[in-house]
N, C-alpha and C. Protein backbone atom coordinates (compact mmCIF):
# COMPACT_ATOMS: atom_id res chain seq x y z
N UNK A 1 -98.08 75.86 -3.98
CA UNK A 1 -99.12 75.23 -4.76
C UNK A 1 -100.24 74.77 -3.85
N UNK A 2 -101.44 74.78 -4.38
CA UNK A 2 -102.60 74.39 -3.60
C UNK A 2 -102.62 72.90 -3.30
N UNK A 3 -102.05 72.08 -4.19
CA UNK A 3 -102.10 70.63 -3.98
C UNK A 3 -101.06 70.14 -2.96
N UNK A 4 -100.08 70.96 -2.65
CA UNK A 4 -99.07 70.56 -1.67
C UNK A 4 -99.65 70.56 -0.27
N UNK A 5 -99.32 69.54 0.48
CA UNK A 5 -99.74 69.52 1.87
C UNK A 5 -98.58 70.00 2.71
N UNK A 6 -98.87 70.91 3.58
CA UNK A 6 -97.83 71.42 4.47
C UNK A 6 -98.17 70.99 5.88
N UNK A 7 -97.16 70.76 6.64
CA UNK A 7 -97.36 70.29 8.00
C UNK A 7 -96.59 71.20 8.94
N UNK A 8 -97.20 71.57 10.01
CA UNK A 8 -96.54 72.38 11.02
C UNK A 8 -95.74 71.44 11.91
N UNK A 9 -94.47 71.78 12.12
CA UNK A 9 -93.64 70.95 12.98
C UNK A 9 -94.00 71.18 14.43
N UNK A 10 -94.05 70.11 15.15
CA UNK A 10 -94.30 70.20 16.58
C UNK A 10 -93.04 70.65 17.29
N UNK A 11 -93.16 71.21 18.49
CA UNK A 11 -91.96 71.67 19.21
C UNK A 11 -90.94 70.57 19.49
N UNK A 12 -91.37 69.31 19.53
CA UNK A 12 -90.44 68.23 19.81
C UNK A 12 -89.77 67.67 18.56
N UNK A 13 -89.85 68.40 17.45
CA UNK A 13 -89.27 67.93 16.20
C UNK A 13 -88.33 68.99 15.62
N UNK A 14 -87.38 68.54 14.86
CA UNK A 14 -86.57 69.46 14.09
C UNK A 14 -86.30 68.80 12.75
N UNK A 15 -86.08 69.59 11.74
CA UNK A 15 -85.88 69.05 10.40
C UNK A 15 -84.41 69.00 10.04
N UNK A 16 -84.07 68.12 9.14
CA UNK A 16 -82.71 68.04 8.65
C UNK A 16 -82.75 67.51 7.23
N UNK A 17 -81.71 67.73 6.50
CA UNK A 17 -81.62 67.22 5.14
C UNK A 17 -80.48 66.22 5.12
N UNK A 18 -80.69 65.10 4.49
CA UNK A 18 -79.67 64.07 4.45
C UNK A 18 -79.67 63.43 3.07
N UNK A 19 -78.74 62.54 2.84
CA UNK A 19 -78.68 61.79 1.58
C UNK A 19 -78.81 60.31 1.91
N UNK A 20 -79.45 59.59 1.03
CA UNK A 20 -79.47 58.14 1.16
C UNK A 20 -78.14 57.62 0.65
N UNK A 21 -77.85 56.36 0.92
CA UNK A 21 -76.57 55.78 0.50
C UNK A 21 -76.34 55.89 -1.00
N UNK A 22 -77.41 55.86 -1.79
CA UNK A 22 -77.24 55.92 -3.24
C UNK A 22 -77.17 57.35 -3.75
N UNK A 23 -77.22 58.34 -2.86
CA UNK A 23 -76.95 59.71 -3.26
C UNK A 23 -78.13 60.63 -3.45
N UNK A 24 -79.35 60.13 -3.43
CA UNK A 24 -80.49 61.03 -3.63
C UNK A 24 -80.75 61.83 -2.36
N UNK A 25 -81.07 63.09 -2.52
CA UNK A 25 -81.30 63.97 -1.38
C UNK A 25 -82.73 63.77 -0.89
N UNK A 26 -82.89 63.79 0.41
CA UNK A 26 -84.22 63.71 1.00
C UNK A 26 -84.25 64.56 2.25
N UNK A 27 -85.40 65.06 2.58
CA UNK A 27 -85.58 65.80 3.83
C UNK A 27 -86.28 64.88 4.81
N UNK A 28 -85.84 64.90 6.04
CA UNK A 28 -86.48 64.07 7.04
C UNK A 28 -86.79 64.92 8.26
N UNK A 29 -87.75 64.48 9.02
CA UNK A 29 -88.06 65.12 10.28
C UNK A 29 -87.57 64.19 11.38
N UNK A 30 -86.73 64.69 12.22
CA UNK A 30 -86.19 63.90 13.31
C UNK A 30 -86.82 64.39 14.60
N UNK A 31 -87.43 63.50 15.32
CA UNK A 31 -87.98 63.89 16.61
C UNK A 31 -86.84 64.03 17.60
N UNK A 32 -86.88 65.08 18.37
CA UNK A 32 -85.83 65.26 19.37
C UNK A 32 -85.81 64.09 20.32
N UNK A 33 -86.99 63.53 20.56
CA UNK A 33 -87.05 62.37 21.44
C UNK A 33 -86.23 61.23 20.83
N UNK A 34 -86.36 61.01 19.51
CA UNK A 34 -85.60 59.97 18.83
C UNK A 34 -84.12 60.28 18.83
N UNK A 35 -83.78 61.52 18.56
CA UNK A 35 -82.37 61.93 18.58
C UNK A 35 -81.83 61.78 19.99
N UNK A 36 -82.65 62.13 20.96
CA UNK A 36 -82.23 61.99 22.36
C UNK A 36 -81.94 60.55 22.72
N UNK A 37 -82.74 59.63 22.19
CA UNK A 37 -82.52 58.21 22.46
C UNK A 37 -81.18 57.78 21.87
N UNK A 38 -80.88 58.25 20.65
CA UNK A 38 -79.59 57.92 20.03
C UNK A 38 -78.45 58.46 20.89
N UNK A 39 -78.63 59.68 21.37
CA UNK A 39 -77.59 60.30 22.20
C UNK A 39 -77.42 59.54 23.50
N UNK A 40 -78.53 59.20 24.15
CA UNK A 40 -78.44 58.45 25.40
C UNK A 40 -77.75 57.12 25.18
N UNK A 41 -78.06 56.46 24.08
CA UNK A 41 -77.38 55.20 23.78
C UNK A 41 -75.90 55.43 23.56
N UNK A 42 -75.54 56.53 22.93
CA UNK A 42 -74.14 56.85 22.72
C UNK A 42 -73.42 56.99 24.05
N UNK A 43 -74.01 57.73 24.99
CA UNK A 43 -73.32 57.98 26.26
C UNK A 43 -73.32 56.77 27.18
N UNK A 44 -74.14 55.76 26.90
CA UNK A 44 -74.08 54.53 27.68
C UNK A 44 -72.80 53.75 27.37
N UNK A 45 -72.33 53.84 26.13
CA UNK A 45 -71.14 53.09 25.73
C UNK A 45 -69.91 53.96 25.53
N UNK A 46 -70.09 55.27 25.53
CA UNK A 46 -68.99 56.21 25.32
C UNK A 46 -68.95 57.19 26.48
N UNK A 47 -68.19 56.88 27.51
CA UNK A 47 -68.13 57.77 28.68
C UNK A 47 -67.19 58.95 28.47
N UNK A 48 -67.51 59.79 27.51
CA UNK A 48 -66.64 60.93 27.18
C UNK A 48 -66.67 61.97 28.29
N UNK A 49 -65.54 62.63 28.46
CA UNK A 49 -65.41 63.69 29.45
C UNK A 49 -64.87 64.94 28.75
N UNK A 50 -65.04 66.12 29.34
CA UNK A 50 -64.51 67.33 28.72
C UNK A 50 -63.04 67.16 28.33
N UNK A 51 -62.72 67.60 27.14
CA UNK A 51 -61.36 67.47 26.64
C UNK A 51 -61.16 66.28 25.71
N UNK A 52 -62.08 65.30 25.74
CA UNK A 52 -61.98 64.18 24.82
C UNK A 52 -62.22 64.66 23.39
N UNK A 53 -61.69 63.93 22.44
CA UNK A 53 -61.81 64.32 21.03
C UNK A 53 -62.52 63.21 20.25
N UNK A 54 -63.51 63.62 19.46
CA UNK A 54 -64.23 62.72 18.56
C UNK A 54 -63.78 62.99 17.14
N UNK A 55 -63.61 61.93 16.37
CA UNK A 55 -63.31 62.05 14.95
C UNK A 55 -64.51 61.46 14.22
N UNK A 56 -65.16 62.28 13.42
CA UNK A 56 -66.37 61.84 12.73
C UNK A 56 -66.12 61.62 11.26
N UNK A 57 -66.57 60.46 10.77
CA UNK A 57 -66.47 60.16 9.35
C UNK A 57 -67.80 60.39 8.64
N UNK A 58 -68.70 61.13 9.28
CA UNK A 58 -70.00 61.44 8.70
C UNK A 58 -70.09 62.92 8.37
N UNK A 59 -70.82 63.26 7.34
CA UNK A 59 -70.99 64.69 7.03
C UNK A 59 -71.87 65.36 8.08
N UNK A 60 -71.73 66.66 8.29
CA UNK A 60 -72.49 67.36 9.33
C UNK A 60 -74.00 67.29 9.15
N UNK A 61 -74.48 67.03 7.95
CA UNK A 61 -75.94 66.98 7.73
C UNK A 61 -76.52 65.58 7.96
N UNK A 62 -75.69 64.58 8.26
CA UNK A 62 -76.18 63.23 8.51
C UNK A 62 -76.96 63.21 9.83
N UNK A 63 -78.10 62.54 9.85
CA UNK A 63 -78.98 62.56 11.02
C UNK A 63 -78.28 62.04 12.28
N UNK A 64 -77.54 60.93 12.18
CA UNK A 64 -76.86 60.40 13.36
C UNK A 64 -75.74 61.34 13.80
N UNK A 65 -75.04 61.89 12.82
CA UNK A 65 -73.98 62.86 13.14
C UNK A 65 -74.55 64.03 13.92
N UNK A 66 -75.68 64.54 13.45
CA UNK A 66 -76.33 65.66 14.12
C UNK A 66 -76.69 65.32 15.56
N UNK A 67 -77.28 64.14 15.74
CA UNK A 67 -77.69 63.73 17.09
C UNK A 67 -76.49 63.66 18.02
N UNK A 68 -75.40 63.09 17.55
CA UNK A 68 -74.18 62.99 18.37
C UNK A 68 -73.58 64.37 18.61
N UNK A 69 -73.56 65.16 17.56
CA UNK A 69 -72.95 66.49 17.61
C UNK A 69 -73.54 67.36 18.72
N UNK A 70 -74.86 67.35 18.83
CA UNK A 70 -75.51 68.17 19.86
C UNK A 70 -75.00 67.81 21.25
N UNK A 71 -74.88 66.54 21.51
CA UNK A 71 -74.44 66.10 22.83
C UNK A 71 -72.95 66.31 23.03
N UNK A 72 -72.17 66.07 21.98
CA UNK A 72 -70.72 66.24 22.07
C UNK A 72 -70.38 67.66 22.51
N UNK A 73 -71.01 68.62 21.88
CA UNK A 73 -70.69 70.01 22.17
C UNK A 73 -71.20 70.44 23.54
N UNK A 74 -72.26 69.83 24.05
CA UNK A 74 -72.74 70.21 25.39
C UNK A 74 -71.91 69.60 26.50
N UNK A 75 -71.07 68.61 26.17
CA UNK A 75 -70.22 67.98 27.18
C UNK A 75 -68.79 68.52 27.17
N UNK A 76 -68.54 69.55 26.38
CA UNK A 76 -67.21 70.15 26.38
C UNK A 76 -66.16 69.30 25.69
N UNK A 77 -66.59 68.47 24.77
CA UNK A 77 -65.64 67.66 24.02
C UNK A 77 -65.41 68.29 22.65
N UNK A 78 -64.40 67.83 21.97
CA UNK A 78 -64.01 68.40 20.68
C UNK A 78 -64.40 67.44 19.56
N UNK A 79 -64.74 67.99 18.41
CA UNK A 79 -65.08 67.16 17.26
C UNK A 79 -64.30 67.60 16.04
N UNK A 80 -63.78 66.61 15.32
CA UNK A 80 -63.04 66.84 14.09
C UNK A 80 -63.70 65.99 13.01
N UNK A 81 -63.84 66.54 11.81
CA UNK A 81 -64.45 65.80 10.70
C UNK A 81 -63.35 65.27 9.79
N UNK A 82 -63.58 64.07 9.26
CA UNK A 82 -62.63 63.48 8.33
C UNK A 82 -63.39 62.71 7.26
N UNK A 83 -62.65 62.13 6.34
CA UNK A 83 -63.21 61.27 5.31
C UNK A 83 -62.45 59.96 5.33
N UNK A 84 -62.98 58.95 4.65
CA UNK A 84 -62.27 57.68 4.56
C UNK A 84 -60.89 57.90 3.96
N UNK A 85 -60.82 58.76 2.96
CA UNK A 85 -59.54 59.05 2.29
C UNK A 85 -58.51 59.63 3.26
N UNK A 86 -58.94 60.50 4.17
CA UNK A 86 -58.01 61.18 5.09
C UNK A 86 -57.93 60.53 6.47
N UNK A 87 -58.63 59.43 6.67
CA UNK A 87 -58.73 58.83 8.00
C UNK A 87 -57.36 58.51 8.61
N UNK A 88 -56.51 57.84 7.87
CA UNK A 88 -55.20 57.43 8.41
C UNK A 88 -54.41 58.64 8.91
N UNK A 89 -54.31 59.67 8.10
CA UNK A 89 -53.57 60.87 8.49
C UNK A 89 -54.24 61.59 9.66
N UNK A 90 -55.57 61.68 9.64
CA UNK A 90 -56.28 62.38 10.71
C UNK A 90 -56.23 61.62 12.04
N UNK A 91 -56.17 60.29 11.99
CA UNK A 91 -55.98 59.52 13.22
C UNK A 91 -54.63 59.87 13.85
N UNK A 92 -53.63 59.98 13.02
CA UNK A 92 -52.29 60.33 13.50
C UNK A 92 -52.25 61.78 14.00
N UNK A 93 -52.84 62.69 13.23
CA UNK A 93 -52.78 64.11 13.55
C UNK A 93 -53.58 64.47 14.80
N UNK A 94 -54.82 63.99 14.89
CA UNK A 94 -55.71 64.43 15.97
C UNK A 94 -55.78 63.47 17.15
N UNK A 95 -55.33 62.25 17.01
CA UNK A 95 -55.33 61.25 18.07
C UNK A 95 -56.65 61.25 18.85
N UNK A 96 -57.74 60.92 18.16
CA UNK A 96 -59.06 60.97 18.82
C UNK A 96 -59.24 59.89 19.86
N UNK A 97 -60.14 60.15 20.78
CA UNK A 97 -60.53 59.16 21.78
C UNK A 97 -61.64 58.27 21.24
N UNK A 98 -62.46 58.81 20.33
CA UNK A 98 -63.62 58.09 19.80
C UNK A 98 -63.81 58.40 18.32
N UNK A 99 -64.40 57.43 17.60
CA UNK A 99 -64.77 57.61 16.19
C UNK A 99 -66.29 57.57 16.08
N UNK A 100 -66.84 58.43 15.24
CA UNK A 100 -68.28 58.42 14.96
C UNK A 100 -68.46 58.03 13.50
N UNK A 101 -69.27 57.03 13.27
CA UNK A 101 -69.55 56.61 11.91
C UNK A 101 -70.78 55.72 11.90
N UNK A 102 -71.07 55.15 10.76
CA UNK A 102 -72.17 54.21 10.60
C UNK A 102 -71.61 52.95 9.95
N UNK A 103 -72.33 51.83 10.04
CA UNK A 103 -71.80 50.57 9.51
C UNK A 103 -71.34 50.62 8.06
N UNK A 104 -72.02 51.35 7.21
CA UNK A 104 -71.64 51.40 5.80
C UNK A 104 -70.20 51.90 5.62
N UNK A 105 -69.79 52.86 6.41
CA UNK A 105 -68.42 53.39 6.31
C UNK A 105 -67.42 52.31 6.72
N UNK A 106 -67.71 51.61 7.82
CA UNK A 106 -66.80 50.55 8.27
C UNK A 106 -66.76 49.39 7.28
N UNK A 107 -67.90 49.06 6.68
CA UNK A 107 -67.93 48.01 5.66
C UNK A 107 -67.08 48.40 4.46
N UNK A 108 -67.13 49.66 4.08
CA UNK A 108 -66.32 50.16 2.97
C UNK A 108 -64.83 50.07 3.31
N UNK A 109 -64.47 50.48 4.52
CA UNK A 109 -63.08 50.38 4.96
C UNK A 109 -62.61 48.92 4.96
N UNK A 110 -63.44 48.04 5.52
CA UNK A 110 -63.10 46.62 5.62
C UNK A 110 -62.92 46.01 4.23
N UNK A 111 -63.82 46.35 3.30
CA UNK A 111 -63.71 45.83 1.93
C UNK A 111 -62.40 46.29 1.28
N UNK A 112 -62.04 47.55 1.51
CA UNK A 112 -60.79 48.06 0.97
C UNK A 112 -59.58 47.35 1.55
N UNK A 113 -59.63 47.07 2.85
CA UNK A 113 -58.53 46.35 3.50
C UNK A 113 -58.40 44.94 2.93
N UNK A 114 -59.54 44.23 2.82
CA UNK A 114 -59.50 42.87 2.27
C UNK A 114 -59.01 42.86 0.83
N UNK A 115 -59.41 43.85 0.05
CA UNK A 115 -58.96 43.95 -1.34
C UNK A 115 -57.45 44.11 -1.40
N UNK A 116 -56.93 44.95 -0.51
CA UNK A 116 -55.48 45.17 -0.47
C UNK A 116 -54.76 43.91 0.00
N UNK A 117 -55.33 43.23 1.01
CA UNK A 117 -54.72 41.98 1.49
C UNK A 117 -54.67 40.95 0.37
N UNK A 118 -55.77 40.79 -0.35
CA UNK A 118 -55.85 39.79 -1.41
C UNK A 118 -54.94 40.09 -2.59
N UNK A 119 -54.52 41.34 -2.75
CA UNK A 119 -53.64 41.68 -3.87
C UNK A 119 -52.16 41.46 -3.53
N UNK A 120 -51.87 41.09 -2.28
CA UNK A 120 -50.48 40.85 -1.87
C UNK A 120 -50.06 39.42 -2.15
N UNK A 121 -48.79 39.15 -1.89
CA UNK A 121 -48.26 37.79 -2.06
C UNK A 121 -48.92 36.86 -1.05
N UNK A 122 -48.80 35.57 -1.29
CA UNK A 122 -49.42 34.57 -0.42
C UNK A 122 -48.93 34.69 1.02
N UNK A 123 -47.63 34.92 1.19
CA UNK A 123 -47.07 35.02 2.55
C UNK A 123 -47.65 36.23 3.29
N UNK A 124 -47.70 37.37 2.62
CA UNK A 124 -48.27 38.57 3.26
C UNK A 124 -49.75 38.39 3.55
N UNK A 125 -50.44 37.73 2.64
CA UNK A 125 -51.87 37.49 2.82
C UNK A 125 -52.11 36.63 4.06
N UNK A 126 -51.35 35.55 4.20
CA UNK A 126 -51.48 34.66 5.36
C UNK A 126 -51.18 35.42 6.64
N UNK A 127 -50.13 36.23 6.63
CA UNK A 127 -49.75 37.00 7.81
C UNK A 127 -50.85 38.00 8.20
N UNK A 128 -51.37 38.72 7.22
CA UNK A 128 -52.43 39.71 7.49
C UNK A 128 -53.68 39.03 8.04
N UNK A 129 -54.08 37.92 7.44
CA UNK A 129 -55.27 37.20 7.91
C UNK A 129 -55.05 36.63 9.31
N UNK A 130 -53.82 36.22 9.61
CA UNK A 130 -53.49 35.75 10.95
C UNK A 130 -53.69 36.86 11.98
N UNK A 131 -53.21 38.06 11.65
CA UNK A 131 -53.39 39.19 12.57
C UNK A 131 -54.85 39.58 12.72
N UNK A 132 -55.63 39.46 11.67
CA UNK A 132 -57.07 39.72 11.78
C UNK A 132 -57.72 38.72 12.74
N UNK A 133 -57.32 37.45 12.63
CA UNK A 133 -57.88 36.43 13.55
C UNK A 133 -57.45 36.69 14.99
N UNK A 134 -56.22 37.10 15.18
CA UNK A 134 -55.75 37.43 16.53
C UNK A 134 -56.56 38.59 17.09
N UNK A 135 -56.82 39.58 16.26
CA UNK A 135 -57.63 40.73 16.67
C UNK A 135 -59.03 40.30 17.07
N UNK A 136 -59.64 39.43 16.28
CA UNK A 136 -60.99 38.94 16.60
C UNK A 136 -60.98 38.14 17.91
N UNK A 137 -59.95 37.33 18.11
CA UNK A 137 -59.85 36.56 19.36
C UNK A 137 -59.69 37.49 20.55
N UNK A 138 -58.92 38.55 20.38
CA UNK A 138 -58.74 39.54 21.45
C UNK A 138 -60.06 40.20 21.79
N UNK A 139 -60.80 40.61 20.76
CA UNK A 139 -62.10 41.24 20.99
C UNK A 139 -63.04 40.30 21.74
N UNK A 140 -63.02 39.04 21.37
CA UNK A 140 -63.87 38.05 22.04
C UNK A 140 -63.43 37.87 23.49
N UNK A 141 -62.13 37.79 23.71
CA UNK A 141 -61.62 37.60 25.07
C UNK A 141 -61.93 38.79 25.97
N UNK A 142 -61.85 39.99 25.41
CA UNK A 142 -62.14 41.20 26.19
C UNK A 142 -63.62 41.55 26.17
N UNK A 143 -64.41 40.73 25.48
CA UNK A 143 -65.86 40.95 25.36
C UNK A 143 -66.18 42.31 24.76
N UNK A 144 -65.49 42.63 23.69
CA UNK A 144 -65.75 43.86 22.94
C UNK A 144 -66.76 43.51 21.86
N UNK A 145 -67.94 44.02 21.99
CA UNK A 145 -69.01 43.68 21.06
C UNK A 145 -69.63 44.93 20.47
N UNK A 146 -70.29 44.73 19.35
CA UNK A 146 -71.09 45.79 18.75
C UNK A 146 -72.33 45.94 19.61
N UNK A 147 -72.68 47.17 19.93
CA UNK A 147 -73.86 47.44 20.75
C UNK A 147 -74.99 47.85 19.84
N UNK A 148 -76.08 47.10 19.88
CA UNK A 148 -77.27 47.43 19.09
C UNK A 148 -78.41 47.73 20.04
N UNK A 149 -78.71 49.01 20.27
CA UNK A 149 -79.79 49.35 21.20
C UNK A 149 -81.16 48.95 20.67
């Protein structure tokens, strides 16, 4: 159509299609420079070596997944895809060294865990919450923090 504006992609850009959290499809242009920054940040906190295995909870068309994927494959590491539904079994089956995901997936997992904890008896609930607190104390003692570049 004549009213459509078309844009020529620059050599430092590549296109991808992704979905927003609410499910609508959108096309985005990702600058390789931006993807490269995500990758560099990944390798600052994830010292993967050839033979390491990544388990990804993101679909292959997700922008962050794509950025990680390019670097994962150039370092001779392996990648396996999973879903929240299959995560438990795939952790056991593939024994990954690293997980790739985004906060929304972890928030969904955490909400499901809390829902299950709250549906148990009072004794089980207290025990589960105690172990969560011990885990948080361990993370604090070992200085395990979320990295926000």
